[in-house]
Amino acid sequence: VRTLAPIVLVNWTSEEGYRFSPSMIGAAGAMGVLPEAGVLDARAMDDGERYGDALARTGWAGTADPSALRRAAAYFEAHIE
């Protein structure tokens, strides 16, 4: 399928806010609602682990700049169960 614009798929982490608060913390950091440094320094509610450390420990830290997503012409969030 050819599209008129590039399509980017994103897998957010901690959107339910189970361990790290507030919910949707990954998306909020990437979209500039919360400062990225504050997101990475957020502490888990159960054991105090830092969000940035949890991402690194699980292999989800990545190298892409999440703020690049702010240039998207459109944004659609779907929940697949």
PDB file of N, CA and C in Angstrom:
ATOM      1  N   VAL A   1       0.845  -1.167   0.000  1.00  0.00           N
ATOM      2  CA  VAL A   1       0.000   0.000   0.000  1.00  0.00           C
ATOM      3  C   VAL A   1       0.895   1.236   0.000  1.00  0.00           C
ATOM      4  N   ARG A   2       0.617   2.178  -0.878  1.00  0.00           N
ATOM      5  CA  ARG A   2       1.335   3.452  -0.906  1.00  0.00           C
ATOM      6  C   ARG A   2       0.536   4.480  -0.121  1.00  0.00           C
ATOM      7  N   THR A   3       1.226   5.231   0.696  1.00  0.00           N
ATOM      8  CA  THR A   3       0.562   6.274   1.473  1.00  0.00           C
ATOM      9  C   THR A   3       1.072   7.644   1.022  1.00  0.00           C
ATOM     10  N   LEU A   4       0.310   8.675   1.298  1.00  0.00           N
ATOM     11  CA  LEU A   4       0.706  10.036   0.954  1.00  0.00           C
ATOM     12  C   LEU A   4       1.735  10.596   1.927  1.00  0.00           C
ATOM     13  N   ALA A   5       1.821  10.001   3.092  1.00  0.00           N
ATOM     14  CA  ALA A   5       2.763  10.447   4.111  1.00  0.00           C
ATOM     15  C   ALA A   5       3.339   9.229   4.818  1.00  0.00           C
ATOM     16  N   PRO A   6       4.513   9.369   5.401  1.00  0.00           N
ATOM     17  CA  PRO A   6       5.095   8.250   6.148  1.00  0.00           C
ATOM     18  C   PRO A   6       4.205   7.838   7.320  1.00  0.00           C
ATOM     19  N   ILE A   7       4.274   6.576   7.654  1.00  0.00           N
ATOM     20  CA  ILE A   7       3.549   6.053   8.809  1.00  0.00           C
ATOM     21  C   ILE A   7       4.573   5.602   9.843  1.00  0.00           C
ATOM     22  N   VAL A   8       4.371   6.021  11.076  1.00  0.00           N
ATOM     23  CA  VAL A   8       5.263   5.643  12.166  1.00  0.00           C
ATOM     24  C   VAL A   8       4.438   4.900  13.202  1.00  0.00           C
ATOM     25  N   LEU A   9       4.908   3.731  13.599  1.00  0.00           N
ATOM     26  CA  LEU A   9       4.250   2.970  14.655  1.00  0.00           C
ATOM     27  C   LEU A   9       5.037   3.154  15.939  1.00  0.00           C
ATOM     28  N   VAL A  10       4.328   3.402  17.020  1.00  0.00           N
ATOM     29  CA  VAL A  10       4.970   3.653  18.310  1.00  0.00           C
ATOM     30  C   VAL A  10       4.382   2.707  19.337  1.00  0.00           C
ATOM     31  N   ASN A  11       5.241   2.138  20.152  1.00  0.00           N
ATOM     32  CA  ASN A  11       4.811   1.292  21.257  1.00  0.00           C
ATOM     33  C   ASN A  11       5.153   2.029  22.551  1.00  0.00           C
ATOM     34  N   TRP A  12       4.161   2.672  23.156  1.00  0.00           N
ATOM     35  CA  TRP A  12       4.393   3.411  24.392  1.00  0.00           C
ATOM     36  C   TRP A  12       4.524   2.443  25.563  1.00  0.00           C
ATOM     37  N   THR A  13       5.263   2.861  26.560  1.00  0.00           N
ATOM     38  CA  THR A  13       5.365   2.087  27.791  1.00  0.00           C
ATOM     39  C   THR A  13       4.697   2.858  28.926  1.00  0.00           C
ATOM     40  N   SER A  14       4.196   2.143  29.886  1.00  0.00           N
ATOM     41  CA  SER A  14       3.596   2.694  31.104  1.00  0.00           C
ATOM     42  C   SER A  14       2.404   3.606  30.833  1.00  0.00           C
ATOM     43  N   GLU A  15       1.592   3.272  29.846  1.00  0.00           N
ATOM     44  CA  GLU A  15       0.428   4.101  29.548  1.00  0.00           C
ATOM     45  C   GLU A  15      -0.694   3.924  30.561  1.00  0.00           C
ATOM     46  N   GLU A  16      -0.746   2.786  31.217  1.00  0.00           N
ATOM     47  CA  GLU A  16      -1.798   2.553  32.202  1.00  0.00           C
ATOM     48  C   GLU A  16      -1.459   3.159  33.560  1.00  0.00           C
ATOM     49  N   GLY A  17      -0.214   3.503  33.769  1.00  0.00           N
ATOM     50  CA  GLY A  17       0.187   4.101  35.031  1.00  0.00           C
ATOM     51  C   GLY A  17       0.209   3.128  36.189  1.00  0.00           C
ATOM     52  N   TYR A  18       0.431   1.848  35.900  1.00  0.00           N
ATOM     53  CA  TYR A  18       0.423   0.845  36.966  1.00  0.00           C
ATOM     54  C   TYR A  18       1.605   1.033  37.915  1.00  0.00           C
ATOM     55  N   ARG A  19       2.826   1.140  37.358  1.00  0.00           N
ATOM     56  CA  ARG A  19       4.008   1.308  38.212  1.00  0.00           C
ATOM     57  C   ARG A  19       4.447   2.750  38.325  1.00  0.00           C
ATOM     58  N   PHE A  20       4.347   3.472  37.224  1.00  0.00           N
ATOM     59  CA  PHE A  20       4.834   4.852  37.173  1.00  0.00           C
ATOM     60  C   PHE A  20       3.650   5.788  36.952  1.00  0.00           C
ATOM     61  N   SER A  21       3.664   6.887  37.674  1.00  0.00           N
ATOM     62  CA  SER A  21       2.575   7.849  37.603  1.00  0.00           C
ATOM     63  C   SER A  21       3.110   9.150  37.017  1.00  0.00           C
ATOM     64  N   PRO A  22       2.329   9.866  36.254  1.00  0.00           N
ATOM     65  CA  PRO A  22       0.924   9.631  35.925  1.00  0.00           C
ATOM     66  C   PRO A  22       0.783   8.621  34.790  1.00  0.00           C
ATOM     67  N   SER A  23      -0.446   8.198  34.540  1.00  0.00           N
ATOM     68  CA  SER A  23      -0.677   7.319  33.402  1.00  0.00           C
ATOM     69  C   SER A  23      -0.333   8.077  32.124  1.00  0.00           C
ATOM     70  N   MET A  24      -0.051   7.341  31.074  1.00  0.00           N
ATOM     71  CA  MET A  24       0.341   7.899  29.773  1.00  0.00           C
ATOM     72  C   MET A  24       1.646   8.688  29.857  1.00  0.00           C
ATOM     73  N   ILE A  25       2.523   8.306  30.775  1.00  0.00           N
ATOM     74  CA  ILE A  25       3.754   9.051  31.021  1.00  0.00           C
ATOM     75  C   ILE A  25       4.689   9.031  29.803  1.00  0.00           C
ATOM     76  N   GLY A  26       4.756   7.901  29.086  1.00  0.00           N
ATOM     77  CA  GLY A  26       5.621   7.833  27.906  1.00  0.00           C
ATOM     78  C   GLY A  26       5.167   8.765  26.808  1.00  0.00           C
ATOM     79  N   ALA A  27       3.883   8.733  26.489  1.00  0.00           N
ATOM     80  CA  ALA A  27       3.331   9.607  25.456  1.00  0.00           C
ATOM     81  C   ALA A  27       3.425  11.068  25.878  1.00  0.00           C
ATOM     82  N   ALA A  28       3.160  11.351  27.153  1.00  0.00           N
ATOM     83  CA  ALA A  28       3.214  12.735  27.634  1.00  0.00           C
ATOM     84  C   ALA A  28       4.627  13.298  27.535  1.00  0.00           C
ATOM     85  N   GLY A  29       5.619  12.471  27.789  1.00  0.00           N
ATOM     86  CA  GLY A  29       7.003  12.916  27.655  1.00  0.00           C
ATOM     87  C   GLY A  29       7.380  13.167  26.207  1.00  0.00           C
ATOM     88  N   ALA A  30       6.974  12.274  25.340  1.00  0.00           N
ATOM     89  CA  ALA A  30       7.313  12.420  23.927  1.00  0.00           C
ATOM     90  C   ALA A  30       6.610  13.617  23.293  1.00  0.00           C
ATOM     91  N   MET A  31       5.393  13.895  23.705  1.00  0.00           N
ATOM     92  CA  MET A  31       4.624  14.986  23.111  1.00  0.00           C
ATOM     93  C   MET A  31       4.858  16.329  23.795  1.00  0.00           C
ATOM     94  N   GLY A  32       5.720  16.364  24.815  1.00  0.00           N
ATOM     95  CA  GLY A  32       6.070  17.614  25.456  1.00  0.00           C
ATOM     96  C   GLY A  32       5.118  18.055  26.547  1.00  0.00           C
ATOM     97  N   VAL A  33       4.156  17.214  26.901  1.00  0.00           N
ATOM     98  CA  VAL A  33       3.243  17.548  27.993  1.00  0.00           C
ATOM     99  C   VAL A  33       3.995  17.509  29.322  1.00  0.00           C
ATOM    100  N   LEU A  34       4.911  16.564  29.451  1.00  0.00           N
ATOM    101  CA  LEU A  34       5.798  16.463  30.608  1.00  0.00           C
ATOM    102  C   LEU A  34       7.233  16.578  30.117  1.00  0.00           C
ATOM    103  N   PRO A  35       8.126  17.196  30.872  1.00  0.00           N
ATOM    104  CA  PRO A  35       9.528  17.277  30.455  1.00  0.00           C
ATOM    105  C   PRO A  35      10.174  15.883  30.452  1.00  0.00           C
ATOM    106  N   GLU A  36      10.948  15.605  29.419  1.00  0.00           N
ATOM    107  CA  GLU A  36      11.565  14.280  29.281  1.00  0.00           C
ATOM    108  C   GLU A  36      12.411  13.913  30.501  1.00  0.00           C
ATOM    109  N   ALA A  37      13.163  14.851  31.027  1.00  0.00           N
ATOM    110  CA  ALA A  37      14.005  14.563  32.196  1.00  0.00           C
ATOM    111  C   ALA A  37      13.150  14.139  33.389  1.00  0.00           C
ATOM    112  N   GLY A  38      12.008  14.777  33.574  1.00  0.00           N
ATOM    113  CA  GLY A  38      11.114  14.414  34.664  1.00  0.00           C
ATOM    114  C   GLY A  38      10.498  13.039  34.471  1.00  0.00           C
ATOM    115  N   VAL A  39      10.185  12.708  33.223  1.00  0.00           N
ATOM    116  CA  VAL A  39       9.640  11.381  32.916  1.00  0.00           C
ATOM    117  C   VAL A  39      10.674  10.314  33.248  1.00  0.00           C
ATOM    118  N   LEU A  40      11.895  10.505  32.787  1.00  0.00           N
ATOM    119  CA  LEU A  40      12.943   9.508  33.022  1.00  0.00           C
ATOM    120  C   LEU A  40      13.283   9.368  34.497  1.00  0.00           C
ATOM    121  N   ASP A  41      13.061  10.420  35.281  1.00  0.00           N
ATOM    122  CA  ASP A  41      13.374  10.380  36.710  1.00  0.00           C
ATOM    123  C   ASP A  41      12.176   9.964  37.570  1.00  0.00           C
ATOM    124  N   ALA A  42      11.010   9.727  36.965  1.00  0.00           N
ATOM    125  CA  ALA A  42       9.831   9.301  37.733  1.00  0.00           C
ATOM    126  C   ALA A  42      10.144   8.000  38.464  1.00  0.00           C
ATOM    127  N   ARG A  43       9.606   7.852  39.656  1.00  0.00           N
ATOM    128  CA  ARG A  43       9.879   6.683  40.493  1.00  0.00           C
ATOM    129  C   ARG A  43       8.685   5.737  40.527  1.00  0.00           C
ATOM    130  N   ALA A  44       8.988   4.436  40.486  1.00  0.00           N
ATOM    131  CA  ALA A  44       7.944   3.412  40.550  1.00  0.00           C
ATOM    132  C   ALA A  44       7.253   3.480  41.903  1.00  0.00           C
ATOM    133  N   MET A  45       5.944   3.284  41.863  1.00  0.00           N
ATOM    134  CA  MET A  45       5.167   3.356  43.102  1.00  0.00           C
ATOM    135  C   MET A  45       5.410   2.160  44.006  1.00  0.00           C
ATOM    136  N   ASP A  46       5.858   1.030  43.442  1.00  0.00           N
ATOM    137  CA  ASP A  46       6.035  -0.166  44.277  1.00  0.00           C
ATOM    138  C   ASP A  46       7.414  -0.265  44.917  1.00  0.00           C
ATOM    139  N   ASP A  47       8.475   0.002  44.143  1.00  0.00           N
ATOM    140  CA  ASP A  47       9.810  -0.188  44.705  1.00  0.00           C
ATOM    141  C   ASP A  47      10.747   1.003  44.518  1.00  0.00           C
ATOM    142  N   GLY A  48      10.248   2.088  43.925  1.00  0.00           N
ATOM    143  CA  GLY A  48      11.060   3.290  43.772  1.00  0.00           C
ATOM    144  C   GLY A  48      12.033   3.279  42.609  1.00  0.00           C
ATOM    145  N   GLU A  49      11.990   2.226  41.775  1.00  0.00           N
ATOM    146  CA  GLU A  49      12.899   2.193  40.620  1.00  0.00           C
ATOM    147  C   GLU A  49      12.621   3.395  39.725  1.00  0.00           C
ATOM    148  N   ARG A  50      13.681   3.975  39.193  1.00  0.00           N
ATOM    149  CA  ARG A  50      13.582   5.117  38.295  1.00  0.00           C
ATOM    150  C   ARG A  50      13.106   4.644  36.922  1.00  0.00           C
ATOM    151  N   TYR A  51      12.193   5.389  36.284  1.00  0.00           N
ATOM    152  CA  TYR A  51      11.619   5.016  34.982  1.00  0.00           C
ATOM    153  C   TYR A  51      12.709   4.812  33.923  1.00  0.00           C
ATOM    154  N   GLY A  52      13.659   5.741  33.850  1.00  0.00           N
ATOM    155  CA  GLY A  52      14.756   5.616  32.887  1.00  0.00           C
ATOM    156  C   GLY A  52      15.575   4.355  33.121  1.00  0.00           C
ATOM    157  N   ASP A  53      15.798   3.999  34.388  1.00  0.00           N
ATOM    158  CA  ASP A  53      16.546   2.779  34.709  1.00  0.00           C
ATOM    159  C   ASP A  53      15.746   1.531  34.327  1.00  0.00           C
ATOM    160  N   ALA A  54      14.436   1.573  34.533  1.00  0.00           N
ATOM    161  CA  ALA A  54      13.584   0.437  34.161  1.00  0.00           C
ATOM    162  C   ALA A  54      13.600   0.239  32.649  1.00  0.00           C
ATOM    163  N   LEU A  55      13.573   1.332  31.884  1.00  0.00           N
ATOM    164  CA  LEU A  55      13.648   1.222  30.424  1.00  0.00           C
ATOM    165  C   LEU A  55      14.967   0.577  30.006  1.00  0.00           C
ATOM    166  N   ALA A  56      16.064   1.017  30.595  1.00  0.00           N
ATOM    167  CA  ALA A  56      17.374   0.459  30.265  1.00  0.00           C
ATOM    168  C   ALA A  56      17.470  -1.012  30.661  1.00  0.00           C
ATOM    169  N   ARG A  57      16.974  -1.338  31.845  1.00  0.00           N
ATOM    170  CA  ARG A  57      17.050  -2.720  32.343  1.00  0.00           C
ATOM    171  C   ARG A  57      16.281  -3.684  31.456  1.00  0.00           C
ATOM    172  N   THR A  58      15.151  -3.249  30.916  1.00  0.00           N
ATOM    173  CA  THR A  58      14.306  -4.131  30.096  1.00  0.00           C
ATOM    174  C   THR A  58      14.631  -4.064  28.610  1.00  0.00           C
ATOM    175  N   GLY A  59      15.588  -3.210  28.225  1.00  0.00           N
ATOM    176  CA  GLY A  59      15.954  -3.097  26.819  1.00  0.00           C
ATOM    177  C   GLY A  59      15.049  -2.169  26.017  1.00  0.00           C
ATOM    178  N   TRP A  60      14.234  -1.363  26.693  1.00  0.00           N
ATOM    179  CA  TRP A  60      13.299  -0.468  26.008  1.00  0.00           C
ATOM    180  C   TRP A  60      13.783   0.975  25.976  1.00  0.00           C
ATOM    181  N   ALA A  61      15.011   1.255  26.366  1.00  0.00           N
ATOM    182  CA  ALA A  61      15.484   2.640  26.434  1.00  0.00           C
ATOM    183  C   ALA A  61      15.574   3.278  25.050  1.00  0.00           C
ATOM    184  N   GLY A  62      15.938   2.551  24.037  1.00  0.00           N
ATOM    185  CA  GLY A  62      15.974   3.086  22.677  1.00  0.00           C
ATOM    186  C   GLY A  62      16.944   4.235  22.496  1.00  0.00           C
ATOM    187  N   THR A  63      17.136   4.623  21.240  1.00  0.00           N
ATOM    188  CA  THR A  63      18.057   5.715  20.923  1.00  0.00           C
ATOM    189  C   THR A  63      17.373   6.856  20.181  1.00  0.00           C
ATOM    190  N   ALA A  64      16.130   6.660  19.759  1.00  0.00           N
ATOM    191  CA  ALA A  64      15.416   7.692  19.002  1.00  0.00           C
ATOM    192  C   ALA A  64      15.034   8.857  19.912  1.00  0.00           C
ATOM    193  N   ASP A  65      14.976  10.028  19.328  1.00  0.00           N
ATOM    194  CA  ASP A  65      14.542  11.212  20.066  1.00  0.00           C
ATOM    195  C   ASP A  65      13.021  11.244  20.067  1.00  0.00           C
ATOM    196  N   PRO A  66      12.380  11.030  21.211  1.00  0.00           N
ATOM    197  CA  PRO A  66      10.921  10.978  21.227  1.00  0.00           C
ATOM    198  C   PRO A  66      10.262  12.293  20.811  1.00  0.00           C
ATOM    199  N   SER A  67      10.959  13.414  20.965  1.00  0.00           N
ATOM    200  CA  SER A  67      10.353  14.693  20.588  1.00  0.00           C
ATOM    201  C   SER A  67      10.185  14.815  19.074  1.00  0.00           C
ATOM    202  N   ALA A  68      10.854  13.973  18.298  1.00  0.00           N
ATOM    203  CA  ALA A  68      10.693  13.999  16.837  1.00  0.00           C
ATOM    204  C   ALA A  68       9.256  13.674  16.440  1.00  0.00           C
ATOM    205  N   LEU A  69       8.534  12.961  17.294  1.00  0.00           N
ATOM    206  CA  LEU A  69       7.142  12.617  16.991  1.00  0.00           C
ATOM    207  C   LEU A  69       6.232  13.838  16.986  1.00  0.00           C
ATOM    208  N   ARG A  70       6.669  14.923  17.574  1.00  0.00           N
ATOM    209  CA  ARG A  70       5.848  16.141  17.612  1.00  0.00           C
ATOM    210  C   ARG A  70       5.667  16.760  16.231  1.00  0.00           C
ATOM    211  N   ARG A  71       6.479  16.354  15.266  1.00  0.00           N
ATOM    212  CA  ARG A  71       6.355  16.879  13.904  1.00  0.00           C
ATOM    213  C   ARG A  71       5.306  16.121  13.100  1.00  0.00           C
ATOM    214  N   ALA A  72       4.695  15.108  13.680  1.00  0.00           N
ATOM    215  CA  ALA A  72       3.694  14.310  12.952  1.00  0.00           C
ATOM    216  C   ALA A  72       2.514  15.186  12.553  1.00  0.00           C
ATOM    217  N   ALA A  73       2.011  14.953  11.362  1.00  0.00           N
ATOM    218  CA  ALA A  73       0.866  15.722  10.867  1.00  0.00           C
ATOM    219  C   ALA A  73      -0.423  15.288  11.549  1.00  0.00           C
ATOM    220  N   ALA A  74      -0.460  14.056  12.017  1.00  0.00           N
ATOM    221  CA  ALA A  74      -1.655  13.537  12.677  1.00  0.00           C
ATOM    222  C   ALA A  74      -1.221  12.488  13.683  1.00  0.00           C
ATOM    223  N   TYR A  75      -2.071  12.251  14.647  1.00  0.00           N
ATOM    224  CA  TYR A  75      -1.764  11.279  15.692  1.00  0.00           C
ATOM    225  C   TYR A  75      -3.043  10.530  16.011  1.00  0.00           C
ATOM    226  N   PHE A  76      -2.963   9.225  15.990  1.00  0.00           N
ATOM    227  CA  PHE A  76      -4.112   8.378  16.310  1.00  0.00           C
ATOM    228  C   PHE A  76      -3.658   7.324  17.282  1.00  0.00           C
ATOM    229  N   GLU A  77      -4.372   7.158  18.363  1.00  0.00           N
ATOM    230  CA  GLU A  77      -4.016   6.149  19.358  1.00  0.00           C
ATOM    231  C   GLU A  77      -5.059   5.046  19.339  1.00  0.00           C
ATOM    232  N   ALA A  78      -4.593   3.836  19.150  1.00  0.00           N
ATOM    233  CA  ALA A  78      -5.496   2.680  19.151  1.00  0.00           C
ATOM    234  C   ALA A  78      -5.062   1.724  20.252  1.00  0.00           C
ATOM    235  N   HIS A  79      -6.027   1.144  20.909  1.00  0.00           N
ATOM    236  CA  HIS A  79      -5.757   0.135  21.934  1.00  0.00           C
ATOM    237  C   HIS A  79      -6.176  -1.209  21.380  1.00  0.00           C
ATOM    238  N   ILE A  80      -5.215  -2.113  21.286  1.00  0.00           N
ATOM    239  CA  ILE A  80      -5.499  -3.459  20.754  1.00  0.00           C
ATOM    240  C   ILE A  80      -5.480  -4.425  21.918  1.00  0.00           C
ATOM    241  N   GLU A  81      -6.525  -5.177  22.037  1.00  0.00           N
ATOM    242  CA  GLU A  81      -6.599  -6.151  23.141  1.00  0.00           C
ATOM    243  C   GLU A  81      -6.584  -7.550  22.601  1.00  0.00           C
TER     244      GLU A  81
END
